[in-house]
PDB file of all heavy atoms in Angstrom:
ATOM      1  N   ASP A   1     -99.994-126.405-207.334  1.00  0.00           N
ATOM      2  CA  ASP A   1     -99.524-127.792-207.331  1.00  0.00           C
ATOM      3  C   ASP A   1     -98.222-127.881-206.536  1.00  0.00           C
ATOM      4  O   ASP A   1     -97.121-127.876-207.084  1.00  0.00           O
ATOM      5  CB  ASP A   1     -99.326-128.282-208.765  1.00  0.00           C
ATOM      6  CG  ASP A   1     -99.192-129.796-208.851  1.00  0.00           C
ATOM      7  OD1 ASP A   1     -98.904-130.418-207.807  1.00  0.00           O
ATOM      8  OD2 ASP A   1     -99.362-130.350-209.953  1.00  0.00           O
ATOM      9  N   VAL A   2     -98.374-127.998-205.218  1.00  0.00           N
ATOM     10  CA  VAL A   2     -97.209-128.043-204.335  1.00  0.00           C
ATOM     11  C   VAL A   2     -96.456-129.352-204.520  1.00  0.00           C
ATOM     12  O   VAL A   2     -95.224-129.383-204.479  1.00  0.00           O
ATOM     13  CB  VAL A   2     -97.634-127.841-202.869  1.00  0.00           C
ATOM     14  CG1 VAL A   2     -96.419-127.916-201.945  1.00  0.00           C
ATOM     15  CG2 VAL A   2     -98.344-126.509-202.692  1.00  0.00           C
ATOM     16  N   ALA A   3     -97.168-130.438-204.758  1.00  0.00           N
ATOM     17  CA  ALA A   3     -96.497-131.729-204.956  1.00  0.00           C
ATOM     18  C   ALA A   3     -95.538-131.660-206.139  1.00  0.00           C
ATOM     19  O   ALA A   3     -94.372-132.065-206.035  1.00  0.00           O
ATOM     20  CB  ALA A   3     -97.532-132.829-205.170  1.00  0.00           C
ATOM     21  N   ALA A   4     -96.007-131.139-207.268  1.00  0.00           N
ATOM     22  CA  ALA A   4     -95.152-131.030-208.453  1.00  0.00           C
ATOM     23  C   ALA A   4     -93.985-130.091-208.199  1.00  0.00           C
ATOM     24  O   ALA A   4     -92.850-130.353-208.616  1.00  0.00           O
ATOM     25  CB  ALA A   4     -95.973-130.551-209.645  1.00  0.00           C
ATOM     26  N   SER A   5     -94.258-128.992-207.512  1.00  0.00           N
ATOM     27  CA  SER A   5     -93.208-128.023-207.227  1.00  0.00           C
ATOM     28  C   SER A   5     -92.096-128.633-206.387  1.00  0.00           C
ATOM     29  O   SER A   5     -90.913-128.310-206.559  1.00  0.00           O
ATOM     30  CB  SER A   5     -93.798-126.815-206.493  1.00  0.00           C
ATOM     31  OG  SER A   5     -92.806-125.907-206.094  1.00  0.00           O
ATOM     32  N   GLU A   6     -92.477-129.538-205.484  1.00  0.00           N
ATOM     33  CA  GLU A   6     -91.503-130.184-204.609  1.00  0.00           C
ATOM     34  C   GLU A   6     -90.887-131.418-205.250  1.00  0.00           C
ATOM     35  O   GLU A   6     -90.066-132.105-204.630  1.00  0.00           O
ATOM     36  CB  GLU A   6     -92.162-130.560-203.284  1.00  0.00           C
ATOM     37  CG  GLU A   6     -92.667-129.381-202.466  1.00  0.00           C
ATOM     38  CD  GLU A   6     -91.540-128.524-201.914  1.00  0.00           C
ATOM     39  OE1 GLU A   6     -90.488-129.099-201.571  1.00  0.00           O
ATOM     40  OE2 GLU A   6     -91.712-127.290-201.815  1.00  0.00           O
ATOM     41  N   GLY A   7     -91.282-131.716-206.492  1.00  0.00           N
ATOM     42  CA  GLY A   7     -90.734-132.875-207.186  1.00  0.00           C
ATOM     43  C   GLY A   7     -91.257-134.197-206.663  1.00  0.00           C
ATOM     44  O   GLY A   7     -90.574-135.222-206.769  1.00  0.00           O
ATOM     45  N   GLU A   8     -92.472-134.190-206.116  1.00  0.00           N
ATOM     46  CA  GLU A   8     -93.043-135.391-205.518  1.00  0.00           C
ATOM     47  C   GLU A   8     -94.349-135.763-206.222  1.00  0.00           C
ATOM     48  O   GLU A   8     -95.119-134.885-206.625  1.00  0.00           O
ATOM     49  CB  GLU A   8     -93.353-135.164-204.031  1.00  0.00           C
ATOM     50  CG  GLU A   8     -92.164-134.768-203.190  1.00  0.00           C
ATOM     51  CD  GLU A   8     -91.312-135.968-202.778  1.00  0.00           C
ATOM     52  OE1 GLU A   8     -91.678-137.116-203.133  1.00  0.00           O
ATOM     53  OE2 GLU A   8     -90.295-135.752-202.100  1.00  0.00           O
ATOM     54  N   GLU A   9     -94.615-137.059-206.357  1.00  0.00           N
ATOM     55  CA  GLU A   9     -95.939-137.481-206.800  1.00  0.00           C
ATOM     56  C   GLU A   9     -96.954-137.236-205.693  1.00  0.00           C
ATOM     57  O   GLU A   9     -98.090-136.804-205.945  1.00  0.00           O
ATOM     58  CB  GLU A   9     -95.934-138.959-207.197  1.00  0.00           C
ATOM     59  CG  GLU A   9     -95.207-139.250-208.499  1.00  0.00           C
ATOM     60  CD  GLU A   9     -95.470-140.662-208.984  1.00  0.00           C
ATOM     61  OE1 GLU A   9     -96.158-141.439-208.261  1.00  0.00           O
ATOM     62  OE2 GLU A   9     -95.006-140.992-210.082  1.00  0.00           O
ATOM     63  N   ILE A  10     -96.549-137.546-204.473  1.00  0.00           N
ATOM     64  CA  ILE A  10     -97.367-137.322-203.288  1.00  0.00           C
ATOM     65  C   ILE A  10     -96.469-136.737-202.213  1.00  0.00           C
ATOM     66  O   ILE A  10     -95.386-137.266-201.947  1.00  0.00           O
ATOM     67  CB  ILE A  10     -97.982-138.637-202.766  1.00  0.00           C
ATOM     68  CG1 ILE A  10     -98.784-139.337-203.869  1.00  0.00           C
ATOM     69  CG2 ILE A  10     -98.862-138.380-201.559  1.00  0.00           C
ATOM     70  CD1 ILE A  10     -99.226-140.740-203.486  1.00  0.00           C
ATOM     71  N   LEU A  11     -96.875-135.651-201.599  1.00  0.00           N
ATOM     72  CA  LEU A  11     -96.057-135.057-200.547  1.00  0.00           C
ATOM     73  C   LEU A  11     -95.942-136.027-199.372  1.00  0.00           C
ATOM     74  O   LEU A  11     -96.878-136.769-199.059  1.00  0.00           O
ATOM     75  CB  LEU A  11     -96.671-133.747-200.071  1.00  0.00           C
ATOM     76  CG  LEU A  11     -96.643-132.586-201.066  1.00  0.00           C
ATOM     77  CD1 LEU A  11     -97.388-131.383-200.489  1.00  0.00           C
ATOM     78  CD2 LEU A  11     -95.214-132.202-201.425  1.00  0.00           C
ATOM     79  N   PRO A  12     -94.808-136.032-198.683  1.00  0.00           N
ATOM     80  CA  PRO A  12     -94.623-136.938-197.537  1.00  0.00           C
ATOM     81  C   PRO A  12     -95.641-136.671-196.433  1.00  0.00           C
ATOM     82  O   PRO A  12     -96.210-135.573-196.330  1.00  0.00           O
ATOM     83  CB  PRO A  12     -93.200-136.604-197.062  1.00  0.00           C
ATOM     84  CG  PRO A  12     -92.536-135.968-198.231  1.00  0.00           C
ATOM     85  CD  PRO A  12     -93.604-135.233-198.981  1.00  0.00           C
ATOM     86  N   ASP A  13     -95.876-137.671-195.604  1.00  0.00           N
ATOM     87  CA  ASP A  13     -96.781-137.516-194.471  1.00  0.00           C
ATOM     88  C   ASP A  13     -96.390-136.294-193.645  1.00  0.00           C
ATOM     89  O   ASP A  13     -95.200-136.046-193.370  1.00  0.00           O
ATOM     90  CB  ASP A  13     -96.737-138.758-193.571  1.00  0.00           C
ATOM     91  CG  ASP A  13     -97.422-139.963-194.199  1.00  0.00           C
ATOM     92  OD1 ASP A  13     -97.948-139.830-195.321  1.00  0.00           O
ATOM     93  OD2 ASP A  13     -97.422-141.033-193.560  1.00  0.00           O
ATOM     94  N   SER A  14     -97.386-135.524-193.257  1.00  0.00           N
ATOM     95  CA  SER A  14     -97.238-134.347-192.383  1.00  0.00           C
ATOM     96  C   SER A  14     -96.363-133.243-192.980  1.00  0.00           C
ATOM     97  O   SER A  14     -95.890-132.361-192.256  1.00  0.00           O
ATOM     98  CB  SER A  14     -96.687-134.741-191.001  1.00  0.00           C
ATOM     99  OG  SER A  14     -97.591-135.599-190.339  1.00  0.00           O
ATOM    100  N   PHE A  15     -96.176-133.261-194.288  1.00  0.00           N
ATOM    101  CA  PHE A  15     -95.375-132.212-194.930  1.00  0.00           C
ATOM    102  C   PHE A  15     -96.066-130.858-194.752  1.00  0.00           C
ATOM    103  O   PHE A  15     -97.245-130.710-195.073  1.00  0.00           O
ATOM    104  CB  PHE A  15     -95.220-132.520-196.417  1.00  0.00           C
ATOM    105  CG  PHE A  15     -94.363-131.528-197.170  1.00  0.00           C
ATOM    106  CD1 PHE A  15     -92.997-131.713-197.279  1.00  0.00           C
ATOM    107  CD2 PHE A  15     -94.927-130.406-197.766  1.00  0.00           C
ATOM    108  CE1 PHE A  15     -92.205-130.805-197.975  1.00  0.00           C
ATOM    109  CE2 PHE A  15     -94.158-129.492-198.459  1.00  0.00           C
ATOM    110  CZ  PHE A  15     -92.787-129.688-198.564  1.00  0.00           C
ATOM    111  N   PRO A  16     -95.342-129.843-194.240  1.00  0.00           N
ATOM    112  CA  PRO A  16     -95.968-128.539-194.003  1.00  0.00           C
ATOM    113  C   PRO A  16     -95.965-127.669-195.266  1.00  0.00           C
ATOM    114  O   PRO A  16     -94.936-127.512-195.919  1.00  0.00           O
ATOM    115  CB  PRO A  16     -95.076-127.923-192.920  1.00  0.00           C
ATOM    116  CG  PRO A  16     -93.723-128.526-193.176  1.00  0.00           C
ATOM    117  CD  PRO A  16     -93.962-129.913-193.719  1.00  0.00           C
ATOM    118  N   ILE A  17     -97.120-127.102-195.588  1.00  0.00           N
ATOM    119  CA  ILE A  17     -97.235-126.202-196.733  1.00  0.00           C
ATOM    120  C   ILE A  17     -97.435-124.789-196.197  1.00  0.00           C
ATOM    121  O   ILE A  17     -98.531-124.401-195.772  1.00  0.00           O
ATOM    122  CB  ILE A  17     -98.404-126.599-197.651  1.00  0.00           C
ATOM    123  CG1 ILE A  17     -98.204-128.026-198.163  1.00  0.00           C
ATOM    124  CG2 ILE A  17     -98.531-125.625-198.815  1.00  0.00           C
ATOM    125  CD1 ILE A  17     -99.369-128.556-198.968  1.00  0.00           C
ATOM    126  N   GLY A  18     -96.359-124.047-196.185  1.00  0.00           N
ATOM    127  CA  GLY A  18     -96.398-122.669-195.702  1.00  0.00           C
ATOM    128  C   GLY A  18     -96.256-121.680-196.838  1.00  0.00           C
ATOM    129  O   GLY A  18     -96.312-122.039-198.025  1.00  0.00           O
ATOM    130  N   GLU A  19     -96.047-120.430-196.485  1.00  0.00           N
ATOM    131  CA  GLU A  19     -95.921-119.380-197.501  1.00  0.00           C
ATOM    132  C   GLU A  19     -94.776-119.671-198.466  1.00  0.00           C
ATOM    133  O   GLU A  19     -94.908-119.474-199.684  1.00  0.00           O
ATOM    134  CB  GLU A  19     -95.708-118.027-196.829  1.00  0.00           C
ATOM    135  CG  GLU A  19     -95.551-116.884-197.831  1.00  0.00           C
ATOM    136  CD  GLU A  19     -95.430-115.523-197.180  1.00  0.00           C
ATOM    137  OE1 GLU A  19     -95.634-115.416-195.945  1.00  0.00           O
ATOM    138  OE2 GLU A  19     -95.122-114.549-197.905  1.00  0.00           O
ATOM    139  N   ARG A  20     -93.660-120.149-197.952  1.00  0.00           N
ATOM    140  CA  ARG A  20     -92.511-120.416-198.813  1.00  0.00           C
ATOM    141  C   ARG A  20     -92.854-121.432-199.892  1.00  0.00           C
ATOM    142  O   ARG A  20     -92.538-121.237-201.073  1.00  0.00           O
ATOM    143  CB  ARG A  20     -91.330-120.919-197.980  1.00  0.00           C
ATOM    144  CG  ARG A  20     -90.053-121.148-198.798  1.00  0.00           C
ATOM    145  CD  ARG A  20     -88.963-121.800-197.955  1.00  0.00           C
ATOM    146  NE  ARG A  20     -89.295-123.156-197.591  1.00  0.00           N
ATOM    147  CZ  ARG A  20     -89.127-124.206-198.409  1.00  0.00           C
ATOM    148  NH1 ARG A  20     -88.631-124.026-199.631  1.00  0.00           N
ATOM    149  NH2 ARG A  20     -89.448-125.418-198.005  1.00  0.00           N
ATOM    150  N   GLU A  21     -93.490-122.520-199.505  1.00  0.00           N
ATOM    151  CA  GLU A  21     -93.839-123.567-200.462  1.00  0.00           C
ATOM    152  C   GLU A  21     -94.873-123.079-201.468  1.00  0.00           C
ATOM    153  O   GLU A  21     -94.809-123.410-202.665  1.00  0.00           O
ATOM    154  CB  GLU A  21     -94.376-124.800-199.718  1.00  0.00           C
ATOM    155  CG  GLU A  21     -93.336-125.570-198.935  1.00  0.00           C
ATOM    156  CD  GLU A  21     -92.928-124.903-197.632  1.00  0.00           C
ATOM    157  OE1 GLU A  21     -93.700-124.051-197.117  1.00  0.00           O
ATOM    158  OE2 GLU A  21     -91.830-125.212-197.116  1.00  0.00           O
ATOM    159  N   LEU A  22     -95.817-122.280-201.014  1.00  0.00           N
ATOM    160  CA  LEU A  22     -96.841-121.754-201.911  1.00  0.00           C
ATOM    161  C   LEU A  22     -96.246-120.779-202.919  1.00  0.00           C
ATOM    162  O   LEU A  22     -96.558-120.827-204.120  1.00  0.00           O
ATOM    163  CB  LEU A  22     -97.953-121.082-201.100  1.00  0.00           C
ATOM    164  CG  LEU A  22     -98.778-122.012-200.208  1.00  0.00           C
ATOM    165  CD1 LEU A  22     -99.657-121.195-199.261  1.00  0.00           C
ATOM    166  CD2 LEU A  22     -99.637-122.954-201.043  1.00  0.00           C
ATOM    167  N   ARG A  23     -95.392-119.899-202.439  1.00  0.00           N
ATOM    168  CA  ARG A  23     -94.751-118.937-203.352  1.00  0.00           C
ATOM    169  C   ARG A  23     -93.897-119.653-204.392  1.00  0.00           C
ATOM    170  O   ARG A  23     -93.896-119.284-205.575  1.00  0.00           O
ATOM    171  CB  ARG A  23     -93.894-117.949-202.556  1.00  0.00           C
ATOM    172  CG  ARG A  23     -94.682-116.869-201.838  1.00  0.00           C
ATOM    173  CD  ARG A  23     -93.752-115.834-201.231  1.00  0.00           C
ATOM    174  NE  ARG A  23     -94.460-114.755-200.569  1.00  0.00           N
ATOM    175  CZ  ARG A  23     -94.910-113.654-201.172  1.00  0.00           C
ATOM    176  NH1 ARG A  23     -94.742-113.518-202.486  1.00  0.00           N
ATOM    177  NH2 ARG A  23     -95.528-112.726-200.485  1.00  0.00           N
ATOM    178  N   ALA A  24     -93.167-120.680-203.958  1.00  0.00           N
ATOM    179  CA  ALA A  24     -92.305-121.413-204.888  1.00  0.00           C
ATOM    180  C   ALA A  24     -93.132-122.095-205.973  1.00  0.00           C
ATOM    181  O   ALA A  24     -92.775-122.076-207.156  1.00  0.00           O
ATOM    182  CB  ALA A  24     -91.480-122.449-204.117  1.00  0.00           C
ATOM    183  N   ALA A  25     -94.261-122.703-205.577  1.00  0.00           N
ATOM    184  CA  ALA A  25     -95.117-123.381-206.546  1.00  0.00           C
ATOM    185  C   ALA A  25     -95.742-122.381-207.512  1.00  0.00           C
ATOM    186  O   ALA A  25     -95.802-122.618-208.727  1.00  0.00           O
ATOM    187  CB  ALA A  25     -96.197-124.174-205.823  1.00  0.00           C
ATOM    188  N   LEU A  26     -96.217-121.260-207.000  1.00  0.00           N
ATOM    189  CA  LEU A  26     -96.808-120.230-207.865  1.00  0.00           C
ATOM    190  C   LEU A  26     -95.794-119.716-208.874  1.00  0.00           C
ATOM    191  O   LEU A  26     -96.117-119.502-210.056  1.00  0.00           O
ATOM    192  CB  LEU A  26     -97.350-119.078-207.014  1.00  0.00           C
ATOM    193  CG  LEU A  26     -98.632-119.368-206.237  1.00  0.00           C
ATOM    194  CD1 LEU A  26     -98.867-118.296-205.184  1.00  0.00           C
ATOM    195  CD2 LEU A  26     -99.835-119.456-207.179  1.00  0.00           C
ATOM    196  N   LYS A  27     -94.555-119.525-208.432  1.00  0.00           N
ATOM    197  CA  LYS A  27     -93.508-119.041-209.328  1.00  0.00           C
ATOM    198  C   LYS A  27     -93.214-120.053-210.427  1.00  0.00           C
ATOM    199  O   LYS A  27     -93.105-119.697-211.610  1.00  0.00           O
ATOM    200  CB  LYS A  27     -92.235-118.744-208.533  1.00  0.00           C
ATOM    201  CG  LYS A  27     -91.113-118.133-209.377  1.00  0.00           C
ATOM    202  CD  LYS A  27     -89.912-117.783-208.506  1.00  0.00           C
ATOM    203  CE  LYS A  27     -88.791-117.163-209.351  1.00  0.00           C
ATOM    204  NZ  LYS A  27     -87.615-116.811-208.509  1.00  0.00           N
ATOM    205  N   LYS A  28     -93.112-121.335-210.073  1.00  0.00           N
ATOM    206  CA  LYS A  28     -92.841-122.369-211.068  1.00  0.00           C
ATOM    207  C   LYS A  28     -93.968-122.481-212.082  1.00  0.00           C
ATOM    208  O   LYS A  28     -93.754-122.756-213.259  1.00  0.00           O
ATOM    209  CB  LYS A  28     -92.607-123.712-210.384  1.00  0.00           C
ATOM    210  CG  LYS A  28     -91.265-123.809-209.673  1.00  0.00           C
ATOM    211  CD  LYS A  28     -91.040-125.190-209.077  1.00  0.00           C
ATOM    212  CE  LYS A  28     -89.686-125.271-208.388  1.00  0.00           C
ATOM    213  NZ  LYS A  28     -89.423-126.612-207.804  1.00  0.00           N
ATOM    214  N   GLN A  29     -95.189-122.294-211.616  1.00  0.00           N
ATOM    215  CA  GLN A  29     -96.355-122.375-212.497  1.00  0.00           C
ATOM    216  C   GLN A  29     -96.539-121.127-213.350  1.00  0.00           C
ATOM    217  O   GLN A  29     -97.253-121.164-214.359  1.00  0.00           O
ATOM    218  CB  GLN A  29     -97.632-122.555-211.660  1.00  0.00           C
ATOM    219  CG  GLN A  29     -97.704-123.826-210.890  1.00  0.00           C
ATOM    220  CD  GLN A  29     -98.930-123.893-209.982  1.00  0.00           C
ATOM    221  OE1 GLN A  29     -99.029-124.767-209.158  1.00  0.00           O
ATOM    222  NE2 GLN A  29     -99.876-122.962-210.131  1.00  0.00           N
ATOM    223  N   GLY A  30     -95.970-120.017-212.893  1.00  0.00           N
ATOM    224  CA  GLY A  30     -96.221-118.748-213.561  1.00  0.00           C
ATOM    225  C   GLY A  30     -97.614-118.222-213.282  1.00  0.00           C
ATOM    226  O   GLY A  30     -98.241-117.581-214.130  1.00  0.00           O
ATOM    227  N   THR A  31     -98.108-118.487-212.061  1.00  0.00           N
ATOM    228  CA  THR A  31     -99.474-118.112-211.687  1.00  0.00           C
ATOM    229  C   THR A  31     -99.453-117.001-210.640  1.00  0.00           C
ATOM    230  O   THR A  31     -98.650-117.042-209.708  1.00  0.00           O
ATOM    231  CB  THR A  31    -100.223-119.326-211.092  1.00  0.00           C
ATOM    232  OG1 THR A  31    -100.124-120.437-211.986  1.00  0.00           O
ATOM    233  CG2 THR A  31    -101.688-119.001-210.860  1.00  0.00           C
ATOM    234  N   GLU A  32    -100.354-116.035-210.786  1.00  0.00           N
ATOM    235  CA  GLU A  32    -100.501-114.974-209.793  1.00  0.00           C
ATOM    236  C   GLU A  32    -101.860-115.087-209.123  1.00  0.00           C
ATOM    237  O   GLU A  32    -102.860-115.414-209.777  1.00  0.00           O
ATOM    238  CB  GLU A  32    -100.360-113.594-210.432  1.00  0.00           C
ATOM    239  CG  GLU A  32     -98.941-113.227-210.839  1.00  0.00           C
ATOM    240  CD  GLU A  32     -98.835-111.761-211.231  1.00  0.00           C
ATOM    241  OE1 GLU A  32     -99.833-111.206-211.731  1.00  0.00           O
ATOM    242  OE2 GLU A  32     -97.765-111.178-211.026  1.00  0.00           O
ATOM    243  N   LEU A  33    -101.890-114.819-207.836  1.00  0.00           N
ATOM    244  CA  LEU A  33    -103.148-114.799-207.113  1.00  0.00           C
ATOM    245  C   LEU A  33    -103.869-113.485-207.345  1.00  0.00           C
ATOM    246  O   LEU A  33    -103.237-112.444-207.520  1.00  0.00           O
ATOM    247  CB  LEU A  33    -102.903-114.984-205.617  1.00  0.00           C
ATOM    248  CG  LEU A  33    -102.262-116.306-205.181  1.00  0.00           C
ATOM    249  CD1 LEU A  33    -102.031-116.302-203.677  1.00  0.00           C
ATOM    250  CD2 LEU A  33    -103.118-117.490-205.589  1.00  0.00           C
TER     251      LEU A  33
END
């Protein structure tokens, strides 16, 4: 849930989801791949 991790209901237009954003969301969720 990248939107929740970024504190957004909906991510802004053209917002890039890279490794940094994915890792941050996984850490906040406590989820491992």
